[in-house]
């Protein structure tokens, strides 16, 4: 399934393993999803004094899936293609 849409999706999609590793070692998760302003706020507040970090531990998988769903929609994938990628 090597189509132009799939290549565009793969270029912009957020890899779950890489994002988790960046988050666990550096606290970097929002920046991976194009939200650098929020990432800087996260750093300035030291992860919301720890509370924001705890919440992010439980919501990161859903955030990655939601971001990737948006990328898939932006490149023009239909619901069937998104389901094949596990985004639905």
PDB file of N, CA and C in Angstrom:
ATOM      1  N   UNK A   1       0.847  -1.180   0.000  1.00  0.00           N
ATOM      2  CA  UNK A   1       0.000   0.000   0.000  1.00  0.00           C
ATOM      3  C   UNK A   1       0.896   1.247   0.000  1.00  0.00           C
ATOM      4  N   UNK A   2       1.622   1.440  -1.072  1.00  0.00           N
ATOM      5  CA  UNK A   2       2.519   2.580  -1.197  1.00  0.00           C
ATOM      6  C   UNK A   2       1.917   3.579  -2.170  1.00  0.00           C
ATOM      7  N   UNK A   3       1.037   4.400  -1.647  1.00  0.00           N
ATOM      8  CA  UNK A   3       0.371   5.408  -2.452  1.00  0.00           C
ATOM      9  C   UNK A   3       0.901   6.785  -2.052  1.00  0.00           C
ATOM     10  N   UNK A   4       0.653   7.797  -2.873  1.00  0.00           N
ATOM     11  CA  UNK A   4       1.080   9.151  -2.476  1.00  0.00           C
ATOM     12  C   UNK A   4       0.467   9.591  -1.143  1.00  0.00           C
ATOM     13  N   UNK A   5      -0.799   9.201  -0.907  1.00  0.00           N
ATOM     14  CA  UNK A   5      -1.431   9.558   0.368  1.00  0.00           C
ATOM     15  C   UNK A   5      -0.706   8.886   1.532  1.00  0.00           C
ATOM     16  N   UNK A   6      -0.335   7.617   1.357  1.00  0.00           N
ATOM     17  CA  UNK A   6       0.338   6.883   2.428  1.00  0.00           C
ATOM     18  C   UNK A   6       1.717   7.474   2.699  1.00  0.00           C
ATOM     19  N   UNK A   7       2.439   7.852   1.662  1.00  0.00           N
ATOM     20  CA  UNK A   7       3.754   8.477   1.850  1.00  0.00           C
ATOM     21  C   UNK A   7       3.613   9.816   2.574  1.00  0.00           C
ATOM     22  N   UNK A   8       2.612  10.593   2.198  1.00  0.00           N
ATOM     23  CA  UNK A   8       2.379  11.879   2.866  1.00  0.00           C
ATOM     24  C   UNK A   8       2.009  11.656   4.331  1.00  0.00           C
ATOM     25  N   UNK A   9       1.194  10.628   4.587  1.00  0.00           N
ATOM     26  CA  UNK A   9       0.817  10.302   5.960  1.00  0.00           C
ATOM     27  C   UNK A   9       2.046   9.903   6.770  1.00  0.00           C
ATOM     28  N   UNK A  10       2.871   9.039   6.218  1.00  0.00           N
ATOM     29  CA  UNK A  10       4.050   8.556   6.938  1.00  0.00           C
ATOM     30  C   UNK A  10       5.046   9.678   7.215  1.00  0.00           C
ATOM     31  N   UNK A  11       5.121  10.669   6.335  1.00  0.00           N
ATOM     32  CA  UNK A  11       6.027  11.803   6.556  1.00  0.00           C
ATOM     33  C   UNK A  11       5.583  12.668   7.727  1.00  0.00           C
ATOM     34  N   UNK A  12       4.259  12.808   7.922  1.00  0.00           N
ATOM     35  CA  UNK A  12       3.742  13.721   8.939  1.00  0.00           C
ATOM     36  C   UNK A  12       3.244  13.038  10.207  1.00  0.00           C
ATOM     37  N   UNK A  13       2.998  11.740  10.155  1.00  0.00           N
ATOM     38  CA  UNK A  13       2.425  11.030  11.310  1.00  0.00           C
ATOM     39  C   UNK A  13       3.423  10.967  12.458  1.00  0.00           C
ATOM     40  N   UNK A  14       2.880  10.844  13.640  1.00  0.00           N
ATOM     41  CA  UNK A  14       3.661  10.777  14.860  1.00  0.00           C
ATOM     42  C   UNK A  14       3.869   9.302  15.219  1.00  0.00           C
ATOM     43  N   UNK A  15       5.133   8.859  15.295  1.00  0.00           N
ATOM     44  CA  UNK A  15       5.439   7.476  15.649  1.00  0.00           C
ATOM     45  C   UNK A  15       5.268   7.273  17.150  1.00  0.00           C
ATOM     46  N   UNK A  16       4.488   6.272  17.526  1.00  0.00           N
ATOM     47  CA  UNK A  16       4.147   6.070  18.936  1.00  0.00           C
ATOM     48  C   UNK A  16       5.379   5.722  19.775  1.00  0.00           C
ATOM     49  N   UNK A  17       6.251   4.874  19.262  1.00  0.00           N
ATOM     50  CA  UNK A  17       7.432   4.472  20.030  1.00  0.00           C
ATOM     51  C   UNK A  17       8.386   5.640  20.233  1.00  0.00           C
ATOM     52  N   UNK A  18       8.653   6.361  19.174  1.00  0.00           N
ATOM     53  CA  UNK A  18       9.556   7.511  19.270  1.00  0.00           C
ATOM     54  C   UNK A  18       9.000   8.563  20.217  1.00  0.00           C
ATOM     55  N   UNK A  19       7.709   8.825  20.109  1.00  0.00           N
ATOM     56  CA  UNK A  19       7.086   9.835  20.972  1.00  0.00           C
ATOM     57  C   UNK A  19       7.149   9.418  22.434  1.00  0.00           C
ATOM     58  N   UNK A  20       6.874   8.146  22.720  1.00  0.00           N
ATOM     59  CA  UNK A  20       6.954   7.677  24.104  1.00  0.00           C
ATOM     60  C   UNK A  20       8.372   7.767  24.648  1.00  0.00           C
ATOM     61  N   UNK A  21       9.354   7.381  23.839  1.00  0.00           N
ATOM     62  CA  UNK A  21      10.740   7.466  24.301  1.00  0.00           C
ATOM     63  C   UNK A  21      11.151   8.914  24.560  1.00  0.00           C
ATOM     64  N   UNK A  22      10.783   9.818  23.653  1.00  0.00           N
ATOM     65  CA  UNK A  22      11.087  11.232  23.855  1.00  0.00           C
ATOM     66  C   UNK A  22      10.405  11.772  25.106  1.00  0.00           C
ATOM     67  N   UNK A  23       9.169  11.338  25.345  1.00  0.00           N
ATOM     68  CA  UNK A  23       8.448  11.799  26.531  1.00  0.00           C
ATOM     69  C   UNK A  23       9.095  11.271  27.816  1.00  0.00           C
ATOM     70  N   UNK A  24       9.412   9.982  27.833  1.00  0.00           N
ATOM     71  CA  UNK A  24       9.966   9.392  29.053  1.00  0.00           C
ATOM     72  C   UNK A  24      11.350   9.930  29.399  1.00  0.00           C
ATOM     73  N   UNK A  25      12.175  10.205  28.396  1.00  0.00           N
ATOM     74  CA  UNK A  25      13.533  10.659  28.669  1.00  0.00           C
ATOM     75  C   UNK A  25      13.701  12.174  28.706  1.00  0.00           C
ATOM     76  N   UNK A  26      12.893  12.897  27.937  1.00  0.00           N
ATOM     77  CA  UNK A  26      13.068  14.344  27.844  1.00  0.00           C
ATOM     78  C   UNK A  26      11.804  15.150  28.145  1.00  0.00           C
ATOM     79  N   UNK A  27      10.670  14.492  28.361  1.00  0.00           N
ATOM     80  CA  UNK A  27       9.420  15.212  28.588  1.00  0.00           C
ATOM     81  C   UNK A  27       8.848  15.814  27.320  1.00  0.00           C
ATOM     82  N   UNK A  28       9.319  15.375  26.161  1.00  0.00           N
ATOM     83  CA  UNK A  28       8.927  15.944  24.871  1.00  0.00           C
ATOM     84  C   UNK A  28       7.781  15.140  24.285  1.00  0.00           C
ATOM     85  N   UNK A  29       6.586  15.717  24.223  1.00  0.00           N
ATOM     86  CA  UNK A  29       5.470  15.023  23.567  1.00  0.00           C
ATOM     87  C   UNK A  29       4.656  15.992  22.724  1.00  0.00           C
ATOM     88  N   UNK A  30       4.375  17.168  23.247  1.00  0.00           N
ATOM     89  CA  UNK A  30       3.578  18.140  22.496  1.00  0.00           C
ATOM     90  C   UNK A  30       4.322  18.625  21.265  1.00  0.00           C
ATOM     91  N   UNK A  31       5.628  18.777  21.372  1.00  0.00           N
ATOM     92  CA  UNK A  31       6.434  19.234  20.256  1.00  0.00           C
ATOM     93  C   UNK A  31       6.417  18.263  19.091  1.00  0.00           C
ATOM     94  N   UNK A  32       6.292  16.981  19.383  1.00  0.00           N
ATOM     95  CA  UNK A  32       6.220  15.969  18.325  1.00  0.00           C
ATOM     96  C   UNK A  32       4.954  16.110  17.501  1.00  0.00           C
ATOM     97  N   UNK A  33       3.965  16.759  18.080  1.00  0.00           N
ATOM     98  CA  UNK A  33       2.673  16.908  17.421  1.00  0.00           C
ATOM     99  C   UNK A  33       2.445  18.339  16.949  1.00  0.00           C
ATOM    100  N   UNK A  34       3.535  19.085  16.777  1.00  0.00           N
ATOM    101  CA  UNK A  34       3.441  20.428  16.223  1.00  0.00           C
ATOM    102  C   UNK A  34       2.946  21.491  17.187  1.00  0.00           C
ATOM    103  N   UNK A  35       2.997  21.232  18.473  1.00  0.00           N
ATOM    104  CA  UNK A  35       2.513  22.194  19.464  1.00  0.00           C
ATOM    105  C   UNK A  35       3.671  22.664  20.340  1.00  0.00           C
ATOM    106  N   UNK A  36       4.630  23.334  19.715  1.00  0.00           N
ATOM    107  CA  UNK A  36       5.842  23.724  20.429  1.00  0.00           C
ATOM    108  C   UNK A  36       5.588  24.765  21.514  1.00  0.00           C
ATOM    109  N   UNK A  37       4.607  25.625  21.308  1.00  0.00           N
ATOM    110  CA  UNK A  37       4.267  26.597  22.344  1.00  0.00           C
ATOM    111  C   UNK A  37       3.808  25.912  23.618  1.00  0.00           C
ATOM    112  N   UNK A  38       2.956  24.931  23.484  1.00  0.00           N
ATOM    113  CA  UNK A  38       2.489  24.169  24.636  1.00  0.00           C
ATOM    114  C   UNK A  38       3.635  23.375  25.256  1.00  0.00           C
ATOM    115  N   UNK A  39       4.547  22.882  24.422  1.00  0.00           N
ATOM    116  CA  UNK A  39       5.716  22.154  24.929  1.00  0.00           C
ATOM    117  C   UNK A  39       6.594  23.065  25.774  1.00  0.00           C
ATOM    118  N   UNK A  40       6.791  24.294  25.325  1.00  0.00           N
ATOM    119  CA  UNK A  40       7.601  25.236  26.099  1.00  0.00           C
ATOM    120  C   UNK A  40       6.934  25.560  27.432  1.00  0.00           C
ATOM    121  N   UNK A  41       5.619  25.719  27.421  1.00  0.00           N
ATOM    122  CA  UNK A  41       4.881  25.951  28.661  1.00  0.00           C
ATOM    123  C   UNK A  41       5.033  24.762  29.603  1.00  0.00           C
ATOM    124  N   UNK A  42       4.991  23.558  29.045  1.00  0.00           N
ATOM    125  CA  UNK A  42       5.190  22.332  29.824  1.00  0.00           C
ATOM    126  C   UNK A  42       6.558  22.369  30.510  1.00  0.00           C
ATOM    127  N   UNK A  43       7.589  22.757  29.761  1.00  0.00           N
ATOM    128  CA  UNK A  43       8.938  22.839  30.339  1.00  0.00           C
ATOM    129  C   UNK A  43       9.046  23.940  31.387  1.00  0.00           C
ATOM    130  N   UNK A  44       8.496  25.109  31.092  1.00  0.00           N
ATOM    131  CA  UNK A  44       8.590  26.241  32.014  1.00  0.00           C
ATOM    132  C   UNK A  44       7.948  25.915  33.356  1.00  0.00           C
ATOM    133  N   UNK A  45       6.828  25.181  33.324  1.00  0.00           N
ATOM    134  CA  UNK A  45       6.130  24.839  34.570  1.00  0.00           C
ATOM    135  C   UNK A  45       6.596  23.506  35.148  1.00  0.00           C
ATOM    136  N   UNK A  46       7.690  22.963  34.605  1.00  0.00           N
ATOM    137  CA  UNK A  46       8.221  21.662  35.057  1.00  0.00           C
ATOM    138  C   UNK A  46       7.132  20.591  35.013  1.00  0.00           C
ATOM    139  N   UNK A  47       6.489  20.522  33.887  1.00  0.00           N
ATOM    140  CA  UNK A  47       5.439  19.520  33.709  1.00  0.00           C
ATOM    141  C   UNK A  47       4.236  19.799  34.585  1.00  0.00           C
ATOM    142  N   UNK A  48       3.896  21.068  34.702  1.00  0.00           N
ATOM    143  CA  UNK A  48       2.755  21.433  35.549  1.00  0.00           C
ATOM    144  C   UNK A  48       2.979  21.005  36.977  1.00  0.00           C
ATOM    145  N   UNK A  49       4.234  21.173  37.447  1.00  0.00           N
ATOM    146  CA  UNK A  49       4.653  20.784  38.799  1.00  0.00           C
ATOM    147  C   UNK A  49       4.388  19.302  39.053  1.00  0.00           C
ATOM    148  N   UNK A  50       4.522  18.507  38.004  1.00  0.00           N
ATOM    149  CA  UNK A  50       4.383  17.055  38.122  1.00  0.00           C
ATOM    150  C   UNK A  50       2.991  16.546  37.811  1.00  0.00           C
ATOM    151  N   UNK A  51       1.968  17.349  38.062  1.00  0.00           N
ATOM    152  CA  UNK A  51       0.595  16.915  37.832  1.00  0.00           C
ATOM    153  C   UNK A  51       0.318  16.725  36.342  1.00  0.00           C
ATOM    154  N   UNK A  52       0.759  17.664  35.545  1.00  0.00           N
ATOM    155  CA  UNK A  52       0.579  17.597  34.091  1.00  0.00           C
ATOM    156  C   UNK A  52       1.268  16.350  33.541  1.00  0.00           C
ATOM    157  N   UNK A  53       2.433  16.023  34.101  1.00  0.00           N
ATOM    158  CA  UNK A  53       3.172  14.838  33.659  1.00  0.00           C
ATOM    159  C   UNK A  53       2.385  13.575  33.954  1.00  0.00           C
ATOM    160  N   UNK A  54       1.809  13.482  35.132  1.00  0.00           N
ATOM    161  CA  UNK A  54       1.007  12.296  35.483  1.00  0.00           C
ATOM    162  C   UNK A  54      -0.189  12.140  34.556  1.00  0.00           C
ATOM    163  N   UNK A  55      -0.851  13.237  34.270  1.00  0.00           N
ATOM    164  CA  UNK A  55      -2.009  13.180  33.373  1.00  0.00           C
ATOM    165  C   UNK A  55      -1.557  12.761  31.980  1.00  0.00           C
ATOM    166  N   UNK A  56      -0.421  13.301  31.530  1.00  0.00           N
ATOM    167  CA  UNK A  56       0.076  12.988  30.184  1.00  0.00           C
ATOM    168  C   UNK A  56       0.442  11.513  30.052  1.00  0.00           C
ATOM    169  N   UNK A  57       0.890  10.885  31.116  1.00  0.00           N
ATOM    170  CA  UNK A  57       1.199   9.458  31.075  1.00  0.00           C
ATOM    171  C   UNK A  57      -0.015   8.628  30.655  1.00  0.00           C
ATOM    172  N   UNK A  58      -1.186   9.059  31.073  1.00  0.00           N
ATOM    173  CA  UNK A  58      -2.401   8.301  30.782  1.00  0.00           C
ATOM    174  C   UNK A  58      -3.105   8.757  29.510  1.00  0.00           C
ATOM    175  N   UNK A  59      -2.745   9.916  28.983  1.00  0.00           N
ATOM    176  CA  UNK A  59      -3.451  10.436  27.808  1.00  0.00           C
ATOM    177  C   UNK A  59      -2.592  10.475  26.541  1.00  0.00           C
ATOM    178  N   UNK A  60      -1.328  10.111  26.634  1.00  0.00           N
ATOM    179  CA  UNK A  60      -0.433  10.248  25.485  1.00  0.00           C
ATOM    180  C   UNK A  60      -0.841   9.355  24.314  1.00  0.00           C
ATOM    181  N   UNK A  61      -1.207   8.111  24.568  1.00  0.00           N
ATOM    182  CA  UNK A  61      -1.607   7.218  23.459  1.00  0.00           C
ATOM    183  C   UNK A  61      -2.787   7.790  22.686  1.00  0.00           C
ATOM    184  N   UNK A  62      -3.791   8.283  23.401  1.00  0.00           N
ATOM    185  CA  UNK A  62      -4.962   8.865  22.732  1.00  0.00           C
ATOM    186  C   UNK A  62      -4.593  10.125  21.964  1.00  0.00           C
ATOM    187  N   UNK A  63      -3.692  10.925  22.517  1.00  0.00           N
ATOM    188  CA  UNK A  63      -3.265  12.153  21.830  1.00  0.00           C
ATOM    189  C   UNK A  63      -2.538  11.819  20.530  1.00  0.00           C
ATOM    190  N   UNK A  64      -1.699  10.795  20.559  1.00  0.00           N
ATOM    191  CA  UNK A  64      -0.981  10.385  19.349  1.00  0.00           C
ATOM    192  C   UNK A  64      -1.970   9.893  18.300  1.00  0.00           C
ATOM    193  N   UNK A  65      -2.926   9.079  18.724  1.00  0.00           N
ATOM    194  CA  UNK A  65      -3.914   8.544  17.782  1.00  0.00           C
ATOM    195  C   UNK A  65      -4.758   9.670  17.185  1.00  0.00           C
ATOM    196  N   UNK A  66      -5.163  10.626  18.010  1.00  0.00           N
ATOM    197  CA  UNK A  66      -5.958  11.756  17.523  1.00  0.00           C
ATOM    198  C   UNK A  66      -5.156  12.607  16.535  1.00  0.00           C
ATOM    199  N   UNK A  67      -3.887  12.853  16.847  1.00  0.00           N
ATOM    200  CA  UNK A  67      -3.024  13.621  15.942  1.00  0.00           C
ATOM    201  C   UNK A  67      -2.888  12.896  14.611  1.00  0.00           C
ATOM    202  N   UNK A  68      -2.622  11.605  14.655  1.00  0.00           N
ATOM    203  CA  UNK A  68      -2.451  10.827  13.423  1.00  0.00           C
ATOM    204  C   UNK A  68      -3.748  10.748  12.623  1.00  0.00           C
ATOM    205  N   UNK A  69      -4.881  10.733  13.309  1.00  0.00           N
ATOM    206  CA  UNK A  69      -6.174  10.767  12.615  1.00  0.00           C
ATOM    207  C   UNK A  69      -6.324  12.079  11.848  1.00  0.00           C
ATOM    208  N   UNK A  70      -5.904  13.167  12.459  1.00  0.00           N
ATOM    209  CA  UNK A  70      -5.944  14.469  11.794  1.00  0.00           C
ATOM    210  C   UNK A  70      -5.017  14.528  10.594  1.00  0.00           C
ATOM    211  N   UNK A  71      -3.839  13.925  10.718  1.00  0.00           N
ATOM    212  CA  UNK A  71      -2.900  13.868   9.593  1.00  0.00           C
ATOM    213  C   UNK A  71      -3.518  13.069   8.450  1.00  0.00           C
ATOM    214  N   UNK A  72      -4.120  11.923   8.776  1.00  0.00           N
ATOM    215  CA  UNK A  72      -4.745  11.075   7.757  1.00  0.00           C
ATOM    216  C   UNK A  72      -5.866  11.825   7.042  1.00  0.00           C
ATOM    217  N   UNK A  73      -6.667  12.568   7.786  1.00  0.00           N
ATOM    218  CA  UNK A  73      -7.752  13.339   7.175  1.00  0.00           C
ATOM    219  C   UNK A  73      -7.191  14.449   6.296  1.00  0.00           C
ATOM    220  N   UNK A  74      -6.114  15.079   6.748  1.00  0.00           N
ATOM    221  CA  UNK A  74      -5.497  16.159   5.988  1.00  0.00           C
ATOM    222  C   UNK A  74      -4.930  15.685   4.650  1.00  0.00           C
ATOM    223  N   UNK A  75      -4.410  14.448   4.607  1.00  0.00           N
ATOM    224  CA  UNK A  75      -3.857  13.944   3.344  1.00  0.00           C
ATOM    225  C   UNK A  75      -4.919  13.293   2.469  1.00  0.00           C
ATOM    226  N   UNK A  76      -6.157  13.240   2.955  1.00  0.00           N
ATOM    227  CA  UNK A  76      -7.264  12.773   2.133  1.00  0.00           C
ATOM    228  C   UNK A  76      -7.609  11.302   2.256  1.00  0.00           C
ATOM    229  N   UNK A  77      -7.222  10.659   3.340  1.00  0.00           N
ATOM    230  CA  UNK A  77      -7.577   9.248   3.528  1.00  0.00           C
ATOM    231  C   UNK A  77      -9.038   9.131   3.919  1.00  0.00           C
ATOM    232  N   UNK A  78      -9.677   8.069   3.436  1.00  0.00           N
ATOM    233  CA  UNK A  78     -11.065   7.829   3.822  1.00  0.00           C
ATOM    234  C   UNK A  78     -11.094   6.940   5.072  1.00  0.00           C
ATOM    235  N   UNK A  79     -12.300   6.692   5.587  1.00  0.00           N
ATOM    236  CA  UNK A  79     -12.454   5.917   6.820  1.00  0.00           C
ATOM    237  C   UNK A  79     -11.889   4.509   6.708  1.00  0.00           C
ATOM    238  N   UNK A  80     -12.023   3.900   5.546  1.00  0.00           N
ATOM    239  CA  UNK A  80     -11.521   2.537   5.349  1.00  0.00           C
ATOM    240  C   UNK A  80      -9.987   2.512   5.451  1.00  0.00           C
ATOM    241  N   UNK A  81      -9.340   3.491   4.856  1.00  0.00           N
ATOM    242  CA  UNK A  81      -7.878   3.567   4.928  1.00  0.00           C
ATOM    243  C   UNK A  81      -7.411   3.865   6.362  1.00  0.00           C
ATOM    244  N   UNK A  82      -8.163   4.724   7.051  1.00  0.00           N
ATOM    245  CA  UNK A  82      -7.820   5.023   8.443  1.00  0.00           C
ATOM    246  C   UNK A  82      -7.993   3.799   9.314  1.00  0.00           C
ATOM    247  N   UNK A  83      -9.051   3.030   9.076  1.00  0.00           N
ATOM    248  CA  UNK A  83      -9.281   1.812   9.842  1.00  0.00           C
ATOM    249  C   UNK A  83      -8.165   0.802   9.606  1.00  0.00           C
ATOM    250  N   UNK A  84      -7.652   0.727   8.386  1.00  0.00           N
ATOM    251  CA  UNK A  84      -6.562  -0.187   8.079  1.00  0.00           C
ATOM    252  C   UNK A  84      -5.297   0.194   8.848  1.00  0.00           C
ATOM    253  N   UNK A  85      -5.141   1.465   9.162  1.00  0.00           N
ATOM    254  CA  UNK A  85      -3.996   1.928   9.938  1.00  0.00           C
ATOM    255  C   UNK A  85      -4.230   1.840  11.443  1.00  0.00           C
ATOM    256  N   UNK A  86      -5.437   1.449  11.853  1.00  0.00           N
ATOM    257  CA  UNK A  86      -5.771   1.342  13.264  1.00  0.00           C
ATOM    258  C   UNK A  86      -6.133   2.666  13.895  1.00  0.00           C
ATOM    259  N   UNK A  87      -6.588   3.618  13.095  1.00  0.00           N
ATOM    260  CA  UNK A  87      -6.921   4.944  13.617  1.00  0.00           C
ATOM    261  C   UNK A  87      -8.393   5.106  13.936  1.00  0.00           C
ATOM    262  N   UNK A  88      -9.187   4.152  13.619  1.00  0.00           N
ATOM    263  CA  UNK A  88     -10.626   4.264  13.875  1.00  0.00           C
ATOM    264  C   UNK A  88     -11.040   3.343  15.005  1.00  0.00           C
TER     265      UNK A  88
END
